[in-house]
Protein backbone atom coordinates (compact mmCIF):
# COMPACT_ATOMS: atom_id res chain seq x y z
CA MET A 1 -13.85 -70.71 16.27
CA LYS A 2 -17.35 -71.96 15.29
CA TYR A 3 -19.07 -68.40 15.36
CA LEU A 4 -16.63 -67.48 12.43
CA LEU A 5 -17.63 -70.63 10.75
CA ILE A 6 -21.20 -70.36 11.01
CA GLY A 7 -20.47 -66.65 9.76
CA ILE A 8 -18.76 -67.41 6.87
CA THR A 9 -21.72 -69.57 6.44
CA ILE A 10 -24.52 -67.20 6.46
CA LEU A 11 -22.79 -64.69 4.06
CA TYR A 12 -21.93 -66.79 1.90
CA THR A 13 -25.75 -68.38 1.88
CA THR A 14 -27.15 -64.67 1.35
CA PHE A 15 -23.82 -64.03 -1.30
CA SER A 16 -25.90 -65.38 -3.94
CA PHE A 17 -28.66 -63.05 -3.76
CA SER A 18 -26.20 -59.50 -4.35
CA GLN A 19 -27.26 -59.82 -7.94
CA THR A 20 -29.73 -56.88 -9.39
CA THR A 21 -33.15 -58.23 -10.18
CA GLU A 22 -36.61 -56.32 -11.11
CA GLN A 23 -37.35 -56.63 -6.93
CA GLY A 24 -33.87 -54.99 -5.80
CA TYR A 25 -30.83 -55.90 -5.23
CA PHE A 26 -28.72 -57.18 -1.79
CA PHE A 27 -25.45 -56.24 -0.61
CA GLY A 28 -23.40 -55.73 2.53
CA GLY A 29 -20.50 -57.29 3.94
CA PHE A 30 -18.76 -59.56 6.63
CA GLU A 31 -15.90 -59.01 8.87
CA SER A 32 -14.24 -61.08 11.51
CA ASN A 33 -11.71 -60.26 14.18
CA SER A 34 -10.65 -62.99 16.50
CA GLN A 35 -7.57 -63.47 19.21
CA TRP A 36 -6.32 -66.27 20.95
CA LEU A 37 -4.33 -64.75 23.59
CA LEU A 38 -1.47 -66.58 25.29
CA TYR A 39 0.39 -66.95 28.39
CA ASP A 40 3.64 -65.29 28.24
CA LYS A 41 6.02 -64.54 31.23
CA GLY A 42 8.11 -61.95 29.46
CA LEU A 43 5.56 -59.47 29.49
CA ASN A 44 3.74 -60.76 32.66
CA PHE A 45 0.65 -61.41 30.81
CA GLU A 46 -1.13 -64.01 31.74
CA GLN A 47 -3.86 -65.91 29.76
CA PRO A 48 -7.30 -65.17 30.65
CA ASP A 49 -10.08 -67.53 30.77
CA ASP A 50 -11.55 -66.01 27.73
CA ALA A 51 -8.65 -67.25 26.23
CA PHE A 52 -10.55 -66.81 22.70
CA ARG A 53 -12.03 -63.50 21.96
CA ALA A 54 -13.68 -62.20 18.76
CA ASN A 55 -15.26 -59.78 17.16
CA ASN A 56 -17.46 -60.41 14.21
CA TYR A 57 -20.03 -58.05 11.74
CA LEU A 58 -22.45 -59.36 9.42
CA GLN A 59 -24.12 -56.26 7.44
CA LEU A 60 -26.84 -56.97 5.00
CA SER A 61 -28.75 -54.49 3.41
CA TYR A 62 -31.23 -54.68 0.20
CA ALA A 63 -32.21 -51.92 -2.14
CA TYR A 64 -35.50 -51.60 -3.97
CA LYS A 65 -36.48 -48.23 -6.16
CA ASN A 66 -35.81 -45.38 -3.60
CA PHE A 67 -35.78 -47.73 -0.23
CA THR A 68 -33.04 -49.14 0.80
CA ALA A 69 -33.39 -51.62 4.91
CA GLY A 70 -30.57 -53.22 5.91
CA VAL A 71 -29.56 -54.71 9.24
CA GLN A 72 -26.27 -55.14 11.26
CA TYR A 73 -25.67 -58.54 13.21
CA GLU A 74 -22.75 -58.63 15.84
CA SER A 75 -21.45 -61.21 18.61
CA TYR A 76 -19.06 -60.66 20.94
CA LEU A 77 -18.29 -64.38 22.44
CA PRO A 78 -17.24 -65.51 24.34
CA ASP A 79 -16.28 -62.06 25.19
CA ALA A 80 -15.11 -59.10 22.60
CA LEU A 81 -11.45 -58.45 21.78
CA LEU A 82 -9.15 -57.26 24.57
CA GLY A 83 -9.29 -53.58 25.64
CA TYR A 84 -12.52 -53.26 23.81
CA SER A 85 -15.41 -51.90 26.21
CA THR A 86 -17.45 -53.88 28.16
CA ALA A 87 -20.32 -52.76 26.69
CA PHE A 88 -20.28 -55.52 23.86
CA SER A 89 -18.73 -58.48 26.35
CA ASN A 90 -20.85 -61.63 25.59
CA GLY A 91 -23.19 -59.40 23.32
CA ASN A 92 -24.62 -60.93 20.66
CA GLY A 93 -27.34 -60.20 17.95
CA VAL A 94 -28.80 -57.91 15.99
CA ALA A 95 -27.12 -54.41 16.49
CA THR A 96 -28.66 -52.01 14.14
CA TYR A 97 -31.30 -52.01 11.42
CA TYR A 98 -32.59 -49.09 9.09
CA ILE A 99 -35.21 -47.85 6.95
CA ASN A 100 -34.35 -45.20 4.39
CA TYR A 101 -36.37 -43.67 1.57
CA LYS A 102 -34.62 -40.72 -0.78
CA ASN A 103 -35.20 -39.49 -4.04
CA GLU A 104 -33.95 -35.83 -4.86
CA LYS A 105 -34.79 -33.71 -2.49
CA VAL A 106 -36.12 -36.02 0.85
CA ASP A 107 -33.93 -38.51 2.34
CA VAL A 108 -35.80 -39.99 5.34
CA THR A 109 -34.11 -42.76 7.82
CA GLY A 110 -35.94 -44.23 10.76
CA GLY A 111 -33.71 -46.80 12.95
CA TYR A 112 -30.23 -46.62 13.09
CA PHE A 113 -28.10 -43.71 11.00
CA TYR A 114 -24.61 -42.21 11.29
CA ASP A 115 -24.26 -38.56 10.18
CA GLN A 116 -22.22 -35.62 10.94
CA PHE A 117 -22.28 -31.46 11.24
CA GLY A 118 -20.16 -29.40 9.82
CA SER A 119 -16.30 -30.55 10.96
CA GLY A 120 -18.11 -32.88 13.80
CA LEU A 121 -16.97 -30.25 16.38
CA ILE A 122 -20.85 -30.57 17.64
CA PHE A 123 -21.80 -33.53 16.29
CA ARG A 124 -21.09 -37.10 14.54
CA SER A 125 -22.28 -40.53 14.85
CA TRP A 126 -20.15 -43.26 13.42
CA GLU A 127 -18.91 -46.62 13.31
CA GLU A 128 -14.68 -47.39 13.64
CA ARG A 129 -14.03 -51.33 14.49
CA GLN A 130 -10.80 -51.01 15.25
CA LEU A 131 -11.08 -48.53 18.34
CA GLY A 132 -14.17 -50.06 19.02
CA ILE A 133 -16.70 -47.21 18.61
CA ASN A 134 -20.35 -47.20 17.37
CA ASN A 135 -22.51 -44.39 18.68
CA ALA A 136 -24.96 -44.73 15.96
CA ILE A 137 -28.71 -42.93 16.47
CA LYS A 138 -31.55 -44.95 16.90
CA GLY A 139 -34.53 -43.09 15.79
CA VAL A 140 -35.30 -40.91 12.74
CA ARG A 141 -33.70 -38.56 10.62
CA ILE A 142 -34.98 -36.27 7.77
CA LYS A 143 -32.91 -34.51 5.35
CA TYR A 144 -34.42 -31.62 3.10
CA ASN A 145 -33.07 -30.06 -0.46
CA PRO A 146 -34.81 -28.03 -1.53
CA THR A 147 -32.86 -26.33 -4.17
CA ASN A 148 -29.27 -26.95 -5.02
CA TYR A 149 -27.84 -24.72 -2.82
CA LEU A 150 -29.46 -25.13 0.43
CA ASP A 151 -29.80 -28.13 2.73
CA PHE A 152 -31.50 -29.33 5.99
CA THR A 153 -31.23 -32.14 8.41
CA ALA A 154 -32.94 -32.71 11.74
CA LEU A 155 -32.59 -35.32 13.46
CA TYR A 156 -33.87 -37.25 17.01
CA GLY A 157 -32.73 -40.46 19.01
CA GLN A 158 -30.46 -42.19 21.16
CA GLN A 159 -27.16 -43.04 20.95
CA ARG A 160 -26.07 -47.16 20.92
CA ILE A 161 -24.03 -48.18 23.71
CA GLY A 162 -23.09 -51.85 23.22
CA PHE A 163 -26.90 -53.26 22.48
CA GLU A 164 -28.34 -50.46 24.68
CA LEU A 165 -29.24 -47.26 24.30
CA SER A 166 -28.40 -43.87 25.91
CA GLU A 167 -29.93 -42.69 28.84
CA GLY A 168 -30.30 -39.16 27.27
CA VAL A 169 -32.46 -38.38 24.27
CA LEU A 170 -30.91 -36.56 21.25
CA GLN A 171 -32.12 -33.94 19.20
CA GLY A 172 -30.09 -31.99 16.36
CA PHE A 173 -30.34 -29.97 13.19
CA ASP A 174 -28.34 -28.47 10.62
CA ALA A 175 -28.61 -26.12 7.98
CA ASN A 176 -26.03 -25.56 4.68
CA ILE A 177 -26.66 -22.94 2.04
CA ASP A 178 -24.07 -22.50 -1.07
CA ILE A 179 -24.41 -18.53 -0.91
CA SER A 180 -22.07 -18.60 -4.55
CA GLN A 181 -24.42 -21.21 -6.20
CA GLY A 182 -27.00 -19.13 -5.35
CA LEU A 183 -26.44 -15.86 -6.52
CA SER A 184 -24.55 -17.81 -9.00
CA ILE A 185 -20.76 -16.22 -8.03
CA GLU A 186 -18.02 -17.76 -10.45
CA SER A 187 -15.16 -16.03 -9.08
CA ILE A 188 -15.62 -17.18 -5.40
CA ASP A 189 -17.13 -19.94 -3.36
CA ILE A 190 -18.78 -19.49 -0.26
CA LYS A 191 -20.76 -21.60 2.15
CA MET A 192 -21.80 -21.28 5.42
CA GLY A 193 -23.63 -23.53 7.86
CA ALA A 194 -25.48 -23.44 11.02
CA SER A 195 -26.24 -26.51 13.72
CA TYR A 196 -27.97 -27.23 16.89
CA VAL A 197 -27.72 -30.44 18.83
CA GLY A 198 -29.54 -30.64 22.42
CA ARG A 199 -29.73 -33.26 25.17
CA TYR A 200 -32.40 -33.91 27.22
CA GLN A 201 -31.61 -36.32 30.47
CA ASP A 202 -33.80 -36.73 32.91
CA VAL A 203 -32.17 -35.67 36.53
CA GLY A 204 -34.84 -36.05 38.66
CA ALA A 205 -35.39 -34.31 41.54
CA GLN A 206 -32.54 -34.91 43.89
CA LEU A 207 -30.37 -32.86 41.67
CA GLU A 208 -30.46 -29.54 40.98
CA LEU A 209 -29.30 -30.10 37.27
CA PRO A 210 -30.37 -28.89 33.94
CA SER A 211 -32.07 -31.81 32.43
CA ASN A 212 -31.39 -30.02 28.48
CA VAL A 213 -28.28 -29.51 27.53
CA ASN A 214 -27.91 -27.37 24.06
CA VAL A 215 -25.01 -27.44 21.54
CA VAL A 216 -25.39 -24.48 18.54
CA GLY A 217 -22.45 -23.83 15.90
CA GLY A 218 -21.70 -21.55 12.78
CA ARG A 219 -19.08 -22.06 10.16
CA LEU A 220 -18.17 -20.49 6.86
CA ASP A 221 -15.88 -21.75 4.10
CA VAL A 222 -14.10 -19.67 1.43
CA VAL A 223 -12.19 -21.31 -1.67
CA LYS A 224 -10.57 -18.16 -3.81
CA GLY A 225 -8.23 -19.78 -7.06
CA ASN A 226 -5.06 -21.42 -4.55
CA PHE A 227 -6.51 -20.02 -1.46
CA TYR A 228 -8.96 -22.03 1.20
CA GLY A 229 -9.96 -21.21 4.73
CA GLY A 230 -12.93 -22.35 6.91
CA LEU A 231 -13.93 -20.86 10.90
CA GLU A 232 -16.42 -22.87 12.97
CA VAL A 233 -16.95 -21.84 16.29
CA ALA A 234 -19.65 -23.57 18.72
CA SER A 235 -20.65 -22.58 22.12
CA LYS A 236 -22.31 -25.30 24.88
CA SER A 237 -24.75 -24.64 27.04
CA LYS A 238 -24.09 -24.63 31.32
CA ASP A 239 -23.63 -28.15 32.38
CA ALA A 240 -21.81 -30.00 35.96
CA LEU A 241 -19.00 -31.91 35.61
CA PHE A 242 -19.00 -35.59 36.26
CA PHE A 243 -15.48 -38.72 35.80
CA GLU A 244 -16.15 -42.18 35.42
CA GLY A 245 -20.08 -41.42 37.08
CA GLN A 246 -19.13 -40.07 39.80
CA LEU A 247 -20.54 -35.94 40.36
CA VAL A 248 -17.39 -34.21 40.77
CA SER A 249 -19.32 -31.19 40.87
CA PRO A 250 -22.75 -29.88 41.08
CA LYS A 251 -21.70 -25.96 39.75
CA LEU A 252 -22.79 -25.40 36.43
CA TYR A 253 -20.07 -24.11 33.49
CA ASP A 254 -20.77 -23.34 29.29
CA GLY A 255 -17.81 -24.23 27.33
CA THR A 256 -16.91 -23.19 23.73
CA ALA A 257 -15.06 -23.90 20.89
CA LEU A 258 -13.32 -22.70 17.82
CA GLN A 259 -11.05 -23.91 15.09
CA LEU A 260 -9.67 -22.65 12.44
CA ASN A 261 -8.18 -23.86 8.78
CA VAL A 262 -6.18 -22.20 5.97
CA GLY A 263 -4.39 -22.87 3.54
CA TYR A 264 -2.79 -22.87 -0.26
CA GLY A 265 -1.80 -25.52 -2.91
CA GLN A 266 -0.97 -25.09 -6.29
CA LYS A 267 1.30 -28.01 -8.36
CA GLY A 268 4.04 -29.27 -6.39
CA LEU A 269 3.43 -26.97 -3.21
CA GLY A 270 0.73 -26.95 -0.57
CA ILE A 271 0.21 -25.12 2.57
CA ASN A 272 -2.44 -25.99 5.15
CA GLY A 273 -3.00 -24.86 8.56
CA THR A 274 -5.11 -25.66 11.30
CA PHE A 275 -5.82 -23.98 14.76
CA ARG A 276 -8.14 -25.43 17.36
CA ARG A 277 -9.48 -23.79 21.41
CA LEU A 278 -11.46 -25.76 23.29
CA GLU A 279 -12.54 -25.45 26.74
CA ASN A 280 -14.75 -26.95 28.76
CA PHE A 281 -16.19 -29.12 25.41
CA ASN A 282 -16.73 -32.67 25.80
CA PHE A 283 -20.11 -33.41 25.18
CA PHE A 284 -21.29 -36.80 25.97
CA ALA A 285 -24.92 -38.14 25.31
CA ASP A 286 -24.97 -39.07 29.03
CA ARG A 287 -22.71 -36.75 31.35
CA GLN A 288 -22.00 -39.65 33.58
CA ALA A 289 -19.93 -41.12 30.93
CA ALA A 290 -17.40 -38.37 30.78
CA GLY A 291 -14.37 -39.39 31.60
CA ASN A 292 -14.66 -43.03 30.38
CA GLN A 293 -11.31 -44.68 28.27
CA PHE A 294 -13.29 -46.34 25.74
CA ASN A 295 -15.09 -43.00 23.82
CA ASP A 296 -18.29 -44.54 25.07
CA GLN A 297 -21.77 -42.10 24.63
CA VAL A 298 -19.20 -39.47 22.74
CA VAL A 299 -21.59 -37.14 21.06
CA ASN A 300 -18.84 -35.33 19.64
CA TYR A 301 -16.12 -35.31 16.86
CA LEU A 302 -12.88 -34.03 18.83
CA PRO A 303 -9.72 -35.49 16.98
CA GLY A 304 -6.15 -34.79 17.70
CA LEU A 305 -5.05 -32.39 14.67
CA THR A 306 -1.42 -34.10 14.53
CA LYS A 307 0.00 -35.91 11.80
CA GLN A 308 -0.86 -39.47 11.27
CA GLN A 309 1.77 -41.31 11.98
CA ASP A 310 2.86 -44.76 9.62
CA TYR A 311 5.31 -46.52 11.68
CA LEU A 312 6.13 -48.75 15.02
CA LEU A 313 7.98 -46.44 16.62
CA THR A 314 6.46 -43.06 15.41
CA ASN A 315 3.44 -44.14 16.98
CA ILE A 316 4.80 -44.86 20.53
CA TYR A 317 3.98 -40.82 21.65
CA VAL A 318 1.11 -39.72 20.27
CA TYR A 319 -1.35 -36.75 21.24
CA ASN A 320 -4.93 -37.72 22.99
CA PRO A 321 -7.11 -34.38 23.06
CA GLN A 322 -7.57 -32.98 25.98
CA PRO A 323 -11.25 -31.03 25.84
CA ALA A 324 -12.40 -31.47 29.67
CA LEU A 325 -12.31 -29.21 32.86
CA VAL A 326 -10.80 -30.72 35.60
CA ILE A 327 -10.41 -28.27 38.80
CA GLU A 328 -9.07 -30.74 41.61
CA ASN A 329 -6.16 -30.42 43.89
CA ALA A 330 -4.30 -32.85 41.62
CA GLU A 331 -4.98 -31.41 38.71
CA GLN A 332 -6.72 -28.39 37.09
CA ARG A 333 -7.26 -27.45 32.75
CA ALA A 334 -9.70 -25.99 31.22
CA GLY A 335 -8.81 -27.89 27.98
CA GLU A 336 -6.54 -26.95 24.85
CA LEU A 337 -5.27 -24.28 22.75
CA GLY A 338 -2.81 -25.34 19.15
CA GLY A 339 -2.67 -26.71 16.03
CA GLN A 340 -0.71 -28.03 12.61
CA ILE A 341 1.24 -26.48 10.04
CA ASP A 342 1.42 -29.29 6.94
CA LEU A 343 3.62 -28.19 3.83
CA TYR A 344 4.13 -30.20 0.94
CA TYR A 345 6.60 -29.89 -1.44
CA SER A 346 7.71 -32.11 -4.68
CA ILE A 347 11.03 -31.38 -6.87
CA LYS A 348 10.85 -31.38 -10.33
CA LYS A 349 11.74 -34.13 -12.62
CA GLY A 350 15.24 -33.58 -14.15
CA SER A 351 16.47 -31.39 -11.61
CA PRO A 352 19.29 -31.78 -9.74
CA LEU A 353 17.20 -32.83 -6.19
CA GLY A 354 14.64 -34.09 -8.20
CA GLY A 355 16.19 -36.59 -10.58
CA LYS A 356 14.72 -38.43 -13.04
CA TYR A 357 11.58 -39.03 -10.88
CA GLY A 358 11.47 -36.40 -8.44
CA THR A 359 11.34 -36.03 -5.29
CA LYS A 360 8.57 -35.24 -2.78
CA ILE A 361 8.96 -33.60 0.88
CA ALA A 362 6.66 -33.31 3.76
CA ALA A 363 7.30 -31.40 6.47
CA ASN A 364 4.63 -30.76 9.49
CA PHE A 365 4.44 -29.07 12.97
CA ALA A 366 2.12 -29.62 15.55
CA TYR A 367 2.04 -27.97 18.75
CA PHE A 368 -0.73 -28.25 21.52
CA GLY A 369 -1.21 -27.08 25.31
CA GLY A 370 -3.68 -26.76 27.96
CA LEU A 371 -5.59 -23.16 28.65
CA ASP A 372 -3.43 -20.44 30.08
CA ALA A 373 -6.11 -20.20 33.13
CA GLU A 374 -6.17 -19.28 36.89
CA TYR A 375 -8.06 -21.66 39.21
CA ASN A 376 -9.93 -20.99 42.60
CA ILE A 377 -10.24 -24.53 43.81
CA ASP A 378 -12.30 -24.18 47.32
CA ASN A 379 -14.87 -22.46 44.94
CA ARG A 380 -14.90 -24.28 41.68
CA PHE A 381 -13.93 -20.91 39.89
CA TYR A 382 -11.98 -20.24 36.78
CA LYS A 383 -11.07 -17.93 34.54
CA ALA A 384 -9.16 -18.80 31.02
CA LYS A 385 -7.64 -16.46 28.82
CA PHE A 386 -8.63 -16.17 24.93
CA LEU A 387 -4.77 -17.06 23.94
CA GLY A 388 -1.96 -17.40 26.32
CA SER A 389 0.73 -19.22 27.53
CA GLY A 390 -0.30 -22.78 29.56
CA ALA A 391 1.20 -25.55 30.35
CA ARG A 392 2.84 -27.48 27.55
CA TYR A 393 1.52 -30.84 26.07
CA PHE A 394 2.71 -31.96 22.60
CA ARG A 395 5.27 -30.45 20.26
CA ASP A 396 5.77 -32.65 17.24
CA VAL A 397 8.35 -31.63 14.48
CA ASN A 398 8.51 -33.72 11.27
CA MET A 399 10.05 -34.82 7.92
CA GLU A 400 9.52 -36.90 5.23
CA VAL A 401 11.43 -37.12 2.04
CA LYS A 402 9.89 -39.78 -0.94
CA LYS A 403 12.57 -40.51 -3.27
CA LYS A 404 11.72 -42.85 -6.28
CA TRP A 405 15.17 -43.48 -7.70
CA SER A 406 14.42 -45.86 -10.66
CA LYS A 407 11.26 -47.90 -12.41
CA THR A 408 12.04 -51.02 -9.51
CA PHE A 409 13.07 -49.34 -6.37
CA SER A 410 11.76 -46.37 -4.05
CA THR A 411 12.59 -44.79 -0.68
CA VAL A 412 11.33 -42.90 2.60
CA PHE A 413 13.43 -41.46 4.82
CA THR A 414 11.78 -40.00 8.01
CA TYR A 415 12.72 -37.73 11.18
CA GLN A 416 10.40 -37.49 14.27
CA ASN A 417 11.29 -34.72 17.05
CA VAL A 418 8.67 -35.26 20.24
CA PHE A 419 7.58 -33.67 23.14
CA ILE A 420 5.07 -34.85 25.35
CA ASP A 421 3.14 -34.52 28.95
CA LYS A 422 4.37 -37.88 30.63
CA SER A 423 0.29 -38.36 31.76
CA ILE A 424 -0.88 -38.13 28.08
CA ALA A 425 1.43 -41.22 26.88
CA LEU A 426 0.50 -43.04 30.02
CA GLY A 427 -2.60 -41.72 32.02
CA GLY A 428 -2.53 -39.97 35.14
CA PHE A 429 -2.40 -36.33 36.27
CA LEU A 430 -1.17 -34.13 33.73
CA GLY A 431 2.03 -32.01 34.91
CA THR A 432 2.45 -34.10 37.44
CA GLN A 433 4.80 -36.98 35.85
CA GLY A 434 7.12 -35.03 33.73
CA GLU A 435 8.16 -35.10 30.34
CA ILE A 436 8.98 -36.99 27.62
CA ARG A 437 11.48 -36.08 24.65
CA SER A 438 12.14 -38.34 22.06
CA ASN A 439 13.95 -38.84 18.18
CA VAL A 440 12.76 -41.06 15.98
CA GLY A 441 14.57 -41.82 12.55
CA VAL A 442 13.39 -44.31 9.82
CA VAL A 443 14.17 -45.39 6.19
CA GLU A 444 12.11 -47.67 4.47
CA GLY A 445 12.50 -48.71 0.98
CA THR A 446 10.54 -50.96 -1.38
CA TYR A 447 12.29 -53.08 -3.75
CA LYS A 448 9.87 -54.29 -7.18
CA LEU A 449 10.42 -57.51 -9.19
CA ASP A 450 9.03 -59.50 -11.46
CA ALA A 451 5.55 -60.56 -12.13
CA GLY A 452 4.13 -58.41 -9.30
CA LYS A 453 6.73 -59.50 -6.76
CA SER A 454 7.73 -56.86 -4.06
CA ILE A 455 10.07 -56.56 -0.73
CA ARG A 456 9.86 -53.89 1.85
CA ALA A 457 12.12 -53.31 4.29
CA VAL A 458 12.01 -50.66 7.18
CA GLY A 459 14.50 -49.84 9.81
CA GLN A 460 13.30 -47.37 12.56
CA HIS A 461 15.11 -46.17 15.82
CA LEU A 462 13.90 -43.91 19.09
CA TRP A 463 15.90 -42.40 21.01
CA THR A 464 15.31 -40.87 24.46
CA LYS A 465 16.22 -40.19 28.29
CA GLN A 466 13.26 -41.04 29.89
CA ASP A 467 10.32 -43.71 29.76
CA GLN A 468 11.22 -46.68 28.66
CA LYS A 469 14.64 -45.22 26.99
CA ASN A 470 15.51 -46.42 23.60
CA TRP A 471 13.71 -49.15 21.34
CA MET A 472 14.82 -50.57 17.93
CA ALA A 473 12.52 -51.48 15.17
CA PHE A 474 12.79 -53.75 11.80
CA VAL A 475 10.11 -54.46 9.36
CA LEU A 476 10.34 -57.26 6.46
CA GLU A 477 7.22 -57.55 4.12
CA TYR A 478 6.92 -59.93 1.00
CA ASN A 479 4.27 -59.82 -1.28
CA PHE A 480 4.35 -63.18 -3.90
CA ASN A 481 1.68 -61.14 -6.13
CA SER A 482 -1.53 -58.82 -5.74
CA ASN A 483 -2.64 -61.78 -3.70
CA TRP A 484 -0.68 -63.29 -1.04
CA ALA A 485 1.76 -61.46 1.07
CA VAL A 486 3.69 -62.06 4.33
CA TYR A 487 5.74 -59.73 6.52
CA ALA A 488 7.78 -59.90 9.85
CA TYR A 489 8.76 -57.30 12.84
CA ASP A 490 10.68 -57.08 15.83
CA ASN A 491 9.51 -53.97 18.23
CA TRP A 492 12.80 -54.05 20.26
CA ASN A 493 13.10 -51.44 23.76
CA TYR A 494 16.39 -52.41 24.26
CA ARG A 495 16.34 -49.42 27.12
CA ALA A 496 20.01 -48.02 26.93
CA LEU A 497 21.48 -45.54 28.58
CA GLY A 498 21.35 -46.77 32.26
CA TYR A 499 19.39 -50.14 32.05
CA ASP A 500 21.87 -53.28 31.76
CA GLY A 501 21.16 -56.92 31.33
CA GLU A 502 18.68 -59.01 29.57
CA ASP A 503 15.52 -58.75 32.03
CA SER A 504 15.82 -55.08 30.70
CA GLN A 505 15.12 -55.88 26.83
CA THR A 506 11.90 -56.76 25.23
CA HIS A 507 10.66 -57.73 22.04
CA TYR A 508 7.60 -57.25 20.87
CA TYR A 509 7.21 -59.32 17.55
CA SER A 510 5.38 -60.58 14.96
CA LEU A 511 4.73 -62.93 12.30
CA GLY A 512 1.92 -63.08 9.76
CA GLY A 513 0.57 -63.04 6.38
CA SER A 514 -2.54 -62.17 4.28
CA TYR A 515 -4.43 -63.15 0.81
CA THR A 516 -6.97 -60.94 -0.98
CA LYS A 517 -9.05 -61.71 -3.81
CA GLY A 518 -11.47 -59.05 -5.24
CA THR A 519 -13.34 -57.80 -2.40
CA SER A 520 -12.11 -60.59 0.41
CA ARG A 521 -9.20 -60.86 2.87
CA VAL A 522 -8.08 -63.10 4.91
CA SER A 523 -5.00 -62.38 7.38
CA MET A 524 -3.20 -64.30 10.36
CA ASN A 525 -0.75 -63.52 12.47
CA TYR A 526 1.04 -64.64 15.69
CA GLY A 527 3.11 -62.54 17.99
CA ARG A 528 3.34 -59.68 20.89
CA GLN A 529 1.19 -56.31 20.93
CA ARG A 530 2.94 -53.19 22.84
CA GLY A 531 0.64 -51.60 25.50
CA GLY A 532 -0.15 -48.27 24.66
CA LEU A 533 -2.57 -45.95 23.09
CA ILE A 534 -3.80 -46.83 19.54
CA CYS A 535 -4.63 -44.40 16.73
CA VAL A 536 -6.98 -44.28 14.13
CA GLY A 537 -7.82 -40.36 12.23
CA GLY A 538 -6.77 -38.98 15.66
CA VAL A 539 -9.20 -40.65 18.11
CA CYS A 540 -7.65 -43.07 20.51
CA ARG A 541 -7.98 -45.89 22.45
CA PHE A 542 -5.39 -48.05 24.73
CA VAL A 543 -4.58 -51.17 24.85
CA PRO A 544 -2.94 -53.24 26.93
CA GLU A 545 0.44 -55.44 26.88
CA SER A 546 -0.49 -59.18 25.34
CA ASN A 547 0.61 -62.05 23.16
CA GLY A 548 -1.71 -64.38 20.66
CA VAL A 549 -2.78 -65.20 17.50
CA SER A 550 -5.50 -63.41 15.95
CA ALA A 551 -6.84 -63.25 12.17
CA THR A 552 -9.22 -61.23 9.94
CA VAL A 553 -11.71 -61.96 7.78
CA ASN A 554 -13.07 -59.34 5.66
CA ILE A 555 -15.32 -60.03 2.95
CA ALA A 556 -17.64 -57.55 0.98
CA PHE A 557 -20.65 -58.50 -1.37
């Protein structure tokens, strides 16, 4: 707790400088996420030696004319939050810093920076604190815009791993051209892009592995009226297979990726479709990082292309992408193939189904499976079809209906039907543990009271004959005004259909509240954490079961 108080003191001391002056201005933010872990007999959770844990971030930047400089101080004392990478454990100090110069044509950054080429299929450096991801690049980046329809980016550096740097060195180049802008075409928007990312890693003389692994990609985006489409393809040069630091096969394999997006939109109607094929397309700043569960040293961005759910029970069985090549006796896979379709429709106000305020309907279908491939384990050989019927990994069919009944009352009804390979949900070799099939129903209601007050209630139920059987969940949230809010929920695994007795029932409960004022927010809660995958934007990490008190402070200035 003392580290939290020190951070807040530093923050408010700095805050007084966040004013525009002739010399420039300061801006930044402070975030603290802490927990006190408690013994829980019901979860068989032992209190660790470092019962108190905290992730603290203080970011401060200064802007003067065309220059901006910044630093981020991070503290993970006495240890990082449960489930975070050991690269952050006991860390404390300046984590990132940068200086940037920018005018209308040139943008130059030295130090740590974040960037993305295209959709991120071959390169993305980013920070997501909830997942414990920060793969900023330390080096130099230059952006050049010679015209309003042409831009280039070049970068060089090493990726961040906690408070250290990757062994591999990255270099990249990205180019984009707006053809319609350049040729003054108004009837259609056409944009093209090309990217390159290379990794140099010294392997010494003992292993016959490539020092350089290169990835190249190209993309095309077209918008015509209410229609749009985008295609991105990429190819990775040959590299060996590693898993959790161990050389699996010295034989070299290349990789490919393809992503297609199409859609149509008009008032009251939207249709979006995404298709993706990945073959041996995981890419790390250090090849030995392949297979790590913390997303450490990931160079490219491969999120799960499924609907991002908002409820307790719809988030139990979520899809985690499978881009890797594995040729083992226990498991063979070469990547993934699949996609999703989204449909959005608004029923008009005043119609029989729309009512006075209208009705919004959203439907989603997502499917992902393995590549249809043949494997020769003895020779470490495989051959995959471009299209085909491989092992089924995940399928999700869901529908959501939002209805406003009056100025003060609205509801949301959600149904979800999921199939998932048990090993994706729980870990292990794919195709060896069977499957999980579940159905989830959700009813949510929000009632607005006077003076900014509101109450929100959610009832949920999950049915399945596999895994941990049935679940029931309830959420109650009350907002006193725009500043104060409290909530309580119980995520109850009552394990019906074959399980008897109190010992088979587990409650994952939580009580908490928050206070928000301007750009500042403080929250606190007590309760149990259900173990499993937690996902943000389609990227997931595993969190273990636990019990404790958590607090969060967010301040921006």
